[in-house]
Amino acid sequence: MKYASKLKSRGARLLLVDDNQNGMAARKALLEEQEFVIVTAANGEEGFEALSKGKFSLLVTDYRMPKMSGVELIRKARALQPELPIILLSGFADAYGLDEKTTGADVVLNKGAHEIPNLLRTVTRLLSRQAPRKPPGTQKALKPKTRAKSV
């Protein structure tokens, strides 16, 4: 079942950051099936290095990782690319009280039985909400409305 529209997913570059290679491989395969271009990093430091070197449409990061946690990565990513949509994944989101306000992520998802359909829906939703960017000077200036004078 394809959740992402081909129009939105074609060419969209996603960065997946997770120290669990099996989980990352499964997510990568699933997202590539939806025609996303996937770049992976095994920890927060590698993830930040990838963000520093290239543009991404969306970041998906795990919470608990060695060297740099997902929240630290989000903080650094926001400084680098403030408009980047970010999904934080954790098997302990509820236990740790992780939410959008405490982490800086756009969405916090629990790992588990419903992770895959939730991830696909969330990626699609976050990418589709991005306003298309037009080069400067291509938007028409709005003319101010004038009122007809009554006699």
N, C-alpha and C. Protein backbone atom coordinates (compact mmCIF):
# COMPACT_ATOMS: atom_id res chain seq x y z
N MET A 1 0.84 -1.18 0.00
CA MET A 1 0.00 0.00 0.00
C MET A 1 0.89 1.24 0.00
N LYS A 2 0.64 2.14 -0.91
CA LYS A 2 1.44 3.35 -1.01
C LYS A 2 0.74 4.49 -0.29
N TYR A 3 1.38 5.02 0.76
CA TYR A 3 0.81 6.13 1.52
C TYR A 3 1.22 7.47 0.92
N ALA A 4 2.45 7.57 0.44
CA ALA A 4 2.95 8.85 -0.07
C ALA A 4 2.59 8.99 -1.54
N SER A 5 2.17 10.16 -1.91
CA SER A 5 1.88 10.39 -3.32
C SER A 5 3.20 10.46 -4.06
N LYS A 6 3.22 9.96 -5.27
CA LYS A 6 4.45 9.96 -6.04
C LYS A 6 4.92 11.38 -6.29
N LEU A 7 4.00 12.30 -6.47
CA LEU A 7 4.37 13.69 -6.73
C LEU A 7 5.15 14.26 -5.54
N LYS A 8 4.70 14.01 -4.33
CA LYS A 8 5.35 14.55 -3.15
C LYS A 8 6.65 13.82 -2.82
N SER A 9 6.69 12.51 -3.06
CA SER A 9 7.85 11.74 -2.62
C SER A 9 8.99 11.75 -3.63
N ARG A 10 8.69 11.91 -4.88
CA ARG A 10 9.73 11.82 -5.90
C ARG A 10 10.82 12.88 -5.64
N GLY A 11 12.02 12.38 -5.37
CA GLY A 11 13.15 13.28 -5.17
C GLY A 11 13.27 13.85 -3.77
N ALA A 12 12.31 13.64 -2.89
CA ALA A 12 12.41 14.14 -1.52
C ALA A 12 13.51 13.37 -0.80
N ARG A 13 14.48 14.09 -0.24
CA ARG A 13 15.60 13.46 0.47
C ARG A 13 15.31 13.43 1.96
N LEU A 14 15.32 12.24 2.53
CA LEU A 14 15.08 12.06 3.94
C LEU A 14 16.35 11.55 4.60
N LEU A 15 16.63 12.07 5.79
CA LEU A 15 17.76 11.60 6.58
C LEU A 15 17.23 10.77 7.73
N LEU A 16 17.65 9.51 7.80
CA LEU A 16 17.29 8.61 8.90
C LEU A 16 18.50 8.44 9.81
N VAL A 17 18.30 8.69 11.10
CA VAL A 17 19.40 8.58 12.06
C VAL A 17 18.97 7.62 13.16
N ASP A 18 19.73 6.51 13.30
CA ASP A 18 19.41 5.51 14.32
C ASP A 18 20.61 4.61 14.49
N ASP A 19 20.93 4.26 15.73
CA ASP A 19 22.05 3.36 16.00
C ASP A 19 21.64 1.89 15.85
N ASN A 20 20.34 1.62 15.78
CA ASN A 20 19.86 0.25 15.58
C ASN A 20 19.80 -0.02 14.08
N GLN A 21 20.78 -0.74 13.59
CA GLN A 21 20.90 -0.97 12.15
C GLN A 21 19.72 -1.74 11.56
N ASN A 22 19.16 -2.70 12.30
CA ASN A 22 18.03 -3.47 11.79
C ASN A 22 16.79 -2.60 11.62
N GLY A 23 16.50 -1.80 12.63
CA GLY A 23 15.34 -0.89 12.54
C GLY A 23 15.52 0.12 11.43
N MET A 24 16.72 0.66 11.31
CA MET A 24 16.97 1.65 10.27
C MET A 24 16.86 1.01 8.88
N ALA A 25 17.36 -0.19 8.72
CA ALA A 25 17.29 -0.87 7.42
C ALA A 25 15.83 -1.11 7.02
N ALA A 26 15.01 -1.49 7.99
CA ALA A 26 13.58 -1.72 7.70
C ALA A 26 12.88 -0.42 7.30
N ARG A 27 13.13 0.66 8.04
CA ARG A 27 12.52 1.95 7.70
C ARG A 27 13.01 2.45 6.35
N LYS A 28 14.29 2.29 6.10
CA LYS A 28 14.87 2.74 4.83
C LYS A 28 14.22 2.01 3.67
N ALA A 29 14.11 0.69 3.76
CA ALA A 29 13.50 -0.09 2.67
C ALA A 29 12.06 0.34 2.43
N LEU A 30 11.32 0.55 3.51
CA LEU A 30 9.93 0.96 3.40
C LEU A 30 9.78 2.33 2.75
N LEU A 31 10.62 3.27 3.15
CA LEU A 31 10.53 4.63 2.61
C LEU A 31 11.04 4.68 1.16
N GLU A 32 12.05 3.86 0.85
CA GLU A 32 12.52 3.80 -0.55
C GLU A 32 11.43 3.20 -1.44
N GLU A 33 10.64 2.30 -0.91
CA GLU A 33 9.52 1.74 -1.65
C GLU A 33 8.52 2.84 -2.04
N GLN A 34 8.45 3.89 -1.22
CA GLN A 34 7.57 5.02 -1.48
C GLN A 34 8.25 6.07 -2.37
N GLU A 35 9.44 5.72 -2.88
CA GLU A 35 10.21 6.54 -3.81
C GLU A 35 10.88 7.75 -3.18
N PHE A 36 11.15 7.67 -1.87
CA PHE A 36 11.96 8.69 -1.22
C PHE A 36 13.43 8.36 -1.44
N VAL A 37 14.27 9.38 -1.45
CA VAL A 37 15.71 9.18 -1.49
C VAL A 37 16.17 9.21 -0.04
N ILE A 38 16.80 8.12 0.41
CA ILE A 38 17.13 7.97 1.82
C ILE A 38 18.64 8.02 2.04
N VAL A 39 19.04 8.83 3.01
CA VAL A 39 20.42 8.88 3.48
C VAL A 39 20.36 8.44 4.94
N THR A 40 21.32 7.61 5.37
CA THR A 40 21.29 7.11 6.75
C THR A 40 22.54 7.54 7.51
N ALA A 41 22.37 7.61 8.83
CA ALA A 41 23.48 7.90 9.74
C ALA A 41 23.30 7.03 10.97
N ALA A 42 24.41 6.52 11.51
CA ALA A 42 24.35 5.56 12.61
C ALA A 42 24.30 6.21 13.99
N ASN A 43 24.46 7.53 14.07
CA ASN A 43 24.37 8.22 15.36
C ASN A 43 24.14 9.71 15.11
N GLY A 44 23.92 10.45 16.18
CA GLY A 44 23.62 11.87 16.06
C GLY A 44 24.75 12.68 15.44
N GLU A 45 25.99 12.34 15.77
CA GLU A 45 27.12 13.07 15.19
C GLU A 45 27.18 12.90 13.68
N GLU A 46 27.00 11.66 13.20
CA GLU A 46 26.97 11.41 11.76
C GLU A 46 25.78 12.11 11.11
N GLY A 47 24.66 12.11 11.81
CA GLY A 47 23.48 12.79 11.30
C GLY A 47 23.70 14.27 11.14
N PHE A 48 24.32 14.89 12.14
CA PHE A 48 24.58 16.33 12.06
C PHE A 48 25.58 16.64 10.95
N GLU A 49 26.56 15.78 10.78
CA GLU A 49 27.53 15.96 9.69
C GLU A 49 26.82 15.91 8.33
N ALA A 50 25.90 14.96 8.17
CA ALA A 50 25.14 14.87 6.91
C ALA A 50 24.30 16.12 6.70
N LEU A 51 23.65 16.61 7.76
CA LEU A 51 22.85 17.84 7.65
C LEU A 51 23.71 19.04 7.28
N SER A 52 24.93 19.07 7.80
CA SER A 52 25.84 20.18 7.51
C SER A 52 26.30 20.21 6.07
N LYS A 53 26.32 19.04 5.44
CA LYS A 53 26.84 18.92 4.08
C LYS A 53 25.77 18.97 3.00
N GLY A 54 24.49 18.80 3.35
CA GLY A 54 23.47 18.72 2.30
C GLY A 54 22.10 19.15 2.78
N LYS A 55 21.21 19.31 1.85
CA LYS A 55 19.83 19.70 2.13
C LYS A 55 18.96 18.45 2.18
N PHE A 56 18.04 18.45 3.13
CA PHE A 56 17.10 17.34 3.26
C PHE A 56 15.69 17.89 3.35
N SER A 57 14.74 17.09 2.91
CA SER A 57 13.33 17.46 2.99
C SER A 57 12.75 17.16 4.36
N LEU A 58 13.37 16.19 5.08
CA LEU A 58 12.83 15.76 6.37
C LEU A 58 13.89 14.96 7.11
N LEU A 59 13.86 15.06 8.45
CA LEU A 59 14.76 14.29 9.31
C LEU A 59 13.93 13.37 10.19
N VAL A 60 14.33 12.10 10.24
CA VAL A 60 13.74 11.12 11.17
C VAL A 60 14.88 10.64 12.05
N THR A 61 14.75 10.85 13.37
CA THR A 61 15.82 10.45 14.27
C THR A 61 15.29 9.65 15.46
N ASP A 62 16.12 8.73 15.92
CA ASP A 62 15.85 7.99 17.14
C ASP A 62 16.17 8.90 18.32
N TYR A 63 15.62 8.56 19.48
CA TYR A 63 15.87 9.35 20.69
C TYR A 63 17.17 8.93 21.37
N ARG A 64 17.29 7.66 21.71
CA ARG A 64 18.45 7.17 22.45
C ARG A 64 19.51 6.64 21.51
N MET A 65 20.64 7.37 21.48
CA MET A 65 21.77 6.96 20.65
C MET A 65 23.06 7.33 21.37
N PRO A 66 24.14 6.60 21.11
CA PRO A 66 25.43 6.99 21.69
C PRO A 66 25.96 8.27 21.02
N LYS A 67 26.82 8.95 21.69
CA LYS A 67 27.52 10.16 21.21
C LYS A 67 26.64 11.40 21.21
N MET A 68 25.43 11.32 20.67
CA MET A 68 24.53 12.49 20.65
C MET A 68 23.10 11.97 20.58
N SER A 69 22.28 12.41 21.52
CA SER A 69 20.88 11.95 21.53
C SER A 69 20.09 12.60 20.40
N GLY A 70 18.92 12.06 20.15
CA GLY A 70 18.05 12.64 19.13
C GLY A 70 17.64 14.07 19.45
N VAL A 71 17.43 14.37 20.73
CA VAL A 71 17.05 15.73 21.12
C VAL A 71 18.20 16.71 20.87
N GLU A 72 19.43 16.29 21.17
CA GLU A 72 20.59 17.13 20.86
C GLU A 72 20.71 17.36 19.36
N LEU A 73 20.50 16.31 18.58
CA LEU A 73 20.54 16.43 17.13
C LEU A 73 19.47 17.39 16.64
N ILE A 74 18.27 17.30 17.19
CA ILE A 74 17.18 18.20 16.80
C ILE A 74 17.57 19.65 17.09
N ARG A 75 18.12 19.90 18.26
CA ARG A 75 18.53 21.25 18.64
C ARG A 75 19.53 21.82 17.63
N LYS A 76 20.53 21.01 17.27
CA LYS A 76 21.54 21.46 16.31
C LYS A 76 20.96 21.60 14.91
N ALA A 77 20.06 20.69 14.55
CA ALA A 77 19.43 20.75 13.22
C ALA A 77 18.58 22.01 13.09
N ARG A 78 17.86 22.37 14.15
CA ARG A 78 17.02 23.58 14.13
C ARG A 78 17.86 24.83 13.93
N ALA A 79 19.07 24.86 14.52
CA ALA A 79 19.95 26.01 14.35
C ALA A 79 20.46 26.09 12.91
N LEU A 80 20.64 24.94 12.30
CA LEU A 80 21.17 24.88 10.94
C LEU A 80 20.09 25.08 9.88
N GLN A 81 18.95 24.40 10.04
CA GLN A 81 17.84 24.45 9.09
C GLN A 81 16.53 24.57 9.86
N PRO A 82 16.15 25.78 10.27
CA PRO A 82 14.99 25.97 11.15
C PRO A 82 13.67 25.42 10.61
N GLU A 83 13.48 25.38 9.31
CA GLU A 83 12.22 24.94 8.72
C GLU A 83 12.16 23.45 8.43
N LEU A 84 13.23 22.72 8.73
CA LEU A 84 13.29 21.29 8.44
C LEU A 84 12.26 20.52 9.28
N PRO A 85 11.35 19.78 8.64
CA PRO A 85 10.42 18.94 9.41
C PRO A 85 11.19 17.79 10.07
N ILE A 86 10.87 17.53 11.34
CA ILE A 86 11.61 16.53 12.10
C ILE A 86 10.64 15.59 12.82
N ILE A 87 10.92 14.29 12.70
CA ILE A 87 10.18 13.25 13.42
C ILE A 87 11.16 12.59 14.39
N LEU A 88 10.75 12.50 15.67
CA LEU A 88 11.54 11.80 16.67
C LEU A 88 10.87 10.47 16.97
N LEU A 89 11.64 9.38 16.91
CA LEU A 89 11.14 8.04 17.22
C LEU A 89 11.70 7.58 18.55
N SER A 90 10.86 6.94 19.35
CA SER A 90 11.34 6.39 20.61
C SER A 90 10.44 5.26 21.06
N GLY A 91 11.05 4.24 21.61
CA GLY A 91 10.28 3.17 22.22
C GLY A 91 9.83 3.55 23.62
N PHE A 92 10.31 4.69 24.10
CA PHE A 92 10.03 5.12 25.48
C PHE A 92 9.41 6.52 25.53
N ALA A 93 8.76 6.95 24.46
CA ALA A 93 8.23 8.32 24.39
C ALA A 93 7.32 8.63 25.58
N ASP A 94 6.40 7.74 25.89
CA ASP A 94 5.48 7.98 27.00
C ASP A 94 6.19 7.93 28.35
N ALA A 95 7.04 6.94 28.53
CA ALA A 95 7.75 6.78 29.81
C ALA A 95 8.66 7.97 30.10
N TYR A 96 9.28 8.52 29.06
CA TYR A 96 10.19 9.66 29.24
C TYR A 96 9.46 11.00 29.16
N GLY A 97 8.18 10.98 28.83
CA GLY A 97 7.44 12.23 28.70
C GLY A 97 7.86 13.04 27.48
N LEU A 98 8.24 12.33 26.42
CA LEU A 98 8.69 13.02 25.21
C LEU A 98 7.49 13.50 24.41
N ASP A 99 7.50 14.76 24.04
CA ASP A 99 6.48 15.30 23.15
C ASP A 99 7.10 16.40 22.30
N GLU A 100 6.29 17.03 21.49
CA GLU A 100 6.79 18.04 20.57
C GLU A 100 7.41 19.23 21.32
N LYS A 101 6.81 19.63 22.43
CA LYS A 101 7.32 20.78 23.19
C LYS A 101 8.65 20.48 23.86
N THR A 102 8.79 19.30 24.42
CA THR A 102 10.01 18.99 25.17
C THR A 102 11.19 18.59 24.29
N THR A 103 10.91 18.20 23.04
CA THR A 103 11.99 17.71 22.18
C THR A 103 12.35 18.65 21.03
N GLY A 104 11.42 19.49 20.62
CA GLY A 104 11.67 20.35 19.46
C GLY A 104 11.30 19.69 18.15
N ALA A 105 10.86 18.43 18.20
CA ALA A 105 10.44 17.72 16.98
C ALA A 105 9.06 18.21 16.56
N ASP A 106 8.75 18.06 15.28
CA ASP A 106 7.41 18.37 14.79
C ASP A 106 6.43 17.30 15.25
N VAL A 107 6.92 16.05 15.28
CA VAL A 107 6.09 14.91 15.69
C VAL A 107 6.97 13.92 16.45
N VAL A 108 6.43 13.38 17.54
CA VAL A 108 7.10 12.31 18.28
C VAL A 108 6.26 11.04 18.08
N LEU A 109 6.90 10.00 17.58
CA LEU A 109 6.22 8.73 17.33
C LEU A 109 6.80 7.63 18.21
N ASN A 110 5.92 6.77 18.71
CA ASN A 110 6.35 5.59 19.45
C ASN A 110 6.77 4.50 18.49
N LYS A 111 7.86 3.83 18.82
CA LYS A 111 8.23 2.63 18.08
C LYS A 111 7.30 1.53 18.54
N GLY A 112 7.04 0.58 17.67
CA GLY A 112 6.19 -0.54 18.07
C GLY A 112 5.30 -1.00 16.94
N ALA A 113 4.20 -1.62 17.31
CA ALA A 113 3.31 -2.27 16.35
C ALA A 113 2.76 -1.34 15.28
N HIS A 114 2.47 -0.10 15.64
CA HIS A 114 1.86 0.83 14.67
C HIS A 114 2.86 1.83 14.11
N GLU A 115 4.13 1.61 14.36
CA GLU A 115 5.16 2.56 13.94
C GLU A 115 5.17 2.79 12.43
N ILE A 116 5.15 1.73 11.65
CA ILE A 116 5.30 1.86 10.20
C ILE A 116 4.16 2.66 9.56
N PRO A 117 2.90 2.30 9.77
CA PRO A 117 1.86 3.12 9.16
C PRO A 117 1.85 4.56 9.70
N ASN A 118 2.15 4.73 10.99
CA ASN A 118 2.21 6.08 11.55
C ASN A 118 3.35 6.88 10.94
N LEU A 119 4.50 6.24 10.74
CA LEU A 119 5.64 6.92 10.14
C LEU A 119 5.32 7.35 8.71
N LEU A 120 4.75 6.45 7.92
CA LEU A 120 4.44 6.78 6.53
C LEU A 120 3.42 7.92 6.44
N ARG A 121 2.39 7.87 7.25
CA ARG A 121 1.38 8.94 7.25
C ARG A 121 1.99 10.28 7.68
N THR A 122 2.84 10.22 8.70
CA THR A 122 3.44 11.44 9.23
C THR A 122 4.42 12.06 8.24
N VAL A 123 5.23 11.25 7.61
CA VAL A 123 6.16 11.75 6.60
C VAL A 123 5.38 12.44 5.48
N THR A 124 4.35 11.77 4.99
CA THR A 124 3.54 12.33 3.91
C THR A 124 2.89 13.65 4.34
N ARG A 125 2.34 13.67 5.56
CA ARG A 125 1.68 14.89 6.05
C ARG A 125 2.67 16.04 6.21
N LEU A 126 3.83 15.78 6.79
CA LEU A 126 4.80 16.84 6.99
C LEU A 126 5.35 17.38 5.68
N LEU A 127 5.56 16.50 4.72
CA LEU A 127 6.07 16.97 3.42
C LEU A 127 5.00 17.73 2.64
N SER A 128 3.76 17.34 2.77
CA SER A 128 2.70 18.01 2.02
C SER A 128 2.33 19.36 2.62
N ARG A 129 2.63 19.57 3.91
CA ARG A 129 2.29 20.85 4.52
C ARG A 129 3.31 21.94 4.21
N GLN A 130 4.45 21.55 3.69
CA GLN A 130 5.45 22.54 3.35
C GLN A 130 4.94 23.39 2.20
N ALA A 131 5.01 24.69 2.38
CA ALA A 131 4.60 25.60 1.32
C ALA A 131 5.64 25.55 0.21
N PRO A 132 5.17 25.53 -1.04
CA PRO A 132 6.14 25.54 -2.13
C PRO A 132 6.92 26.85 -2.10
N ARG A 133 8.20 26.75 -2.29
CA ARG A 133 9.05 27.94 -2.25
C ARG A 133 9.24 28.49 -3.64
N LYS A 134 8.96 29.77 -3.79
CA LYS A 134 9.14 30.43 -5.07
C LYS A 134 10.35 31.33 -4.98
N PRO A 135 11.09 31.44 -6.08
CA PRO A 135 12.24 32.34 -6.08
C PRO A 135 11.77 33.78 -5.84
N PRO A 136 12.60 34.61 -5.22
CA PRO A 136 12.22 36.00 -4.98
C PRO A 136 11.85 36.71 -6.28
N GLY A 137 10.85 37.56 -6.19
CA GLY A 137 10.44 38.35 -7.35
C GLY A 137 9.45 37.67 -8.27
N THR A 138 9.05 36.42 -7.95
CA THR A 138 8.12 35.73 -8.85
C THR A 138 6.67 35.86 -8.40
N GLN A 139 6.46 36.39 -7.21
CA GLN A 139 5.09 36.56 -6.74
C GLN A 139 4.58 37.93 -7.17
N LYS A 140 3.34 37.96 -7.60
CA LYS A 140 2.74 39.21 -8.01
C LYS A 140 2.40 40.04 -6.77
N ALA A 141 2.65 41.32 -6.87
CA ALA A 141 2.31 42.21 -5.77
C ALA A 141 0.80 42.39 -5.75
N LEU A 142 0.23 42.39 -4.57
CA LEU A 142 -1.20 42.59 -4.43
C LEU A 142 -1.52 44.07 -4.49
N LYS A 143 -2.55 44.40 -5.26
CA LYS A 143 -2.98 45.79 -5.32
C LYS A 143 -3.89 46.07 -4.14
N PRO A 144 -3.73 47.24 -3.52
CA PRO A 144 -4.61 47.56 -2.40
C PRO A 144 -6.04 47.76 -2.90
N LYS A 145 -6.97 47.30 -2.09
CA LYS A 145 -8.37 47.47 -2.46
C LYS A 145 -8.77 48.92 -2.24
N THR A 146 -9.55 49.44 -3.17
CA THR A 146 -10.07 50.80 -3.02
C THR A 146 -11.56 50.74 -2.81
N ARG A 147 -12.05 51.61 -1.97
CA ARG A 147 -13.47 51.65 -1.71
C ARG A 147 -14.11 52.70 -2.60
N ALA A 148 -15.28 52.34 -3.09
CA ALA A 148 -16.04 53.32 -3.89
C ALA A 148 -16.62 54.34 -2.93
N LYS A 149 -16.49 55.59 -3.30
CA LYS A 149 -17.03 56.65 -2.44
C LYS A 149 -18.53 56.76 -2.66
N SER A 150 -19.24 56.86 -1.57
CA SER A 150 -20.69 57.03 -1.71
C SER A 150 -21.02 58.50 -1.72
N VAL A 151 -22.02 58.85 -2.50
CA VAL A 151 -22.40 60.26 -2.65
C VAL A 151 -23.55 60.60 -1.77
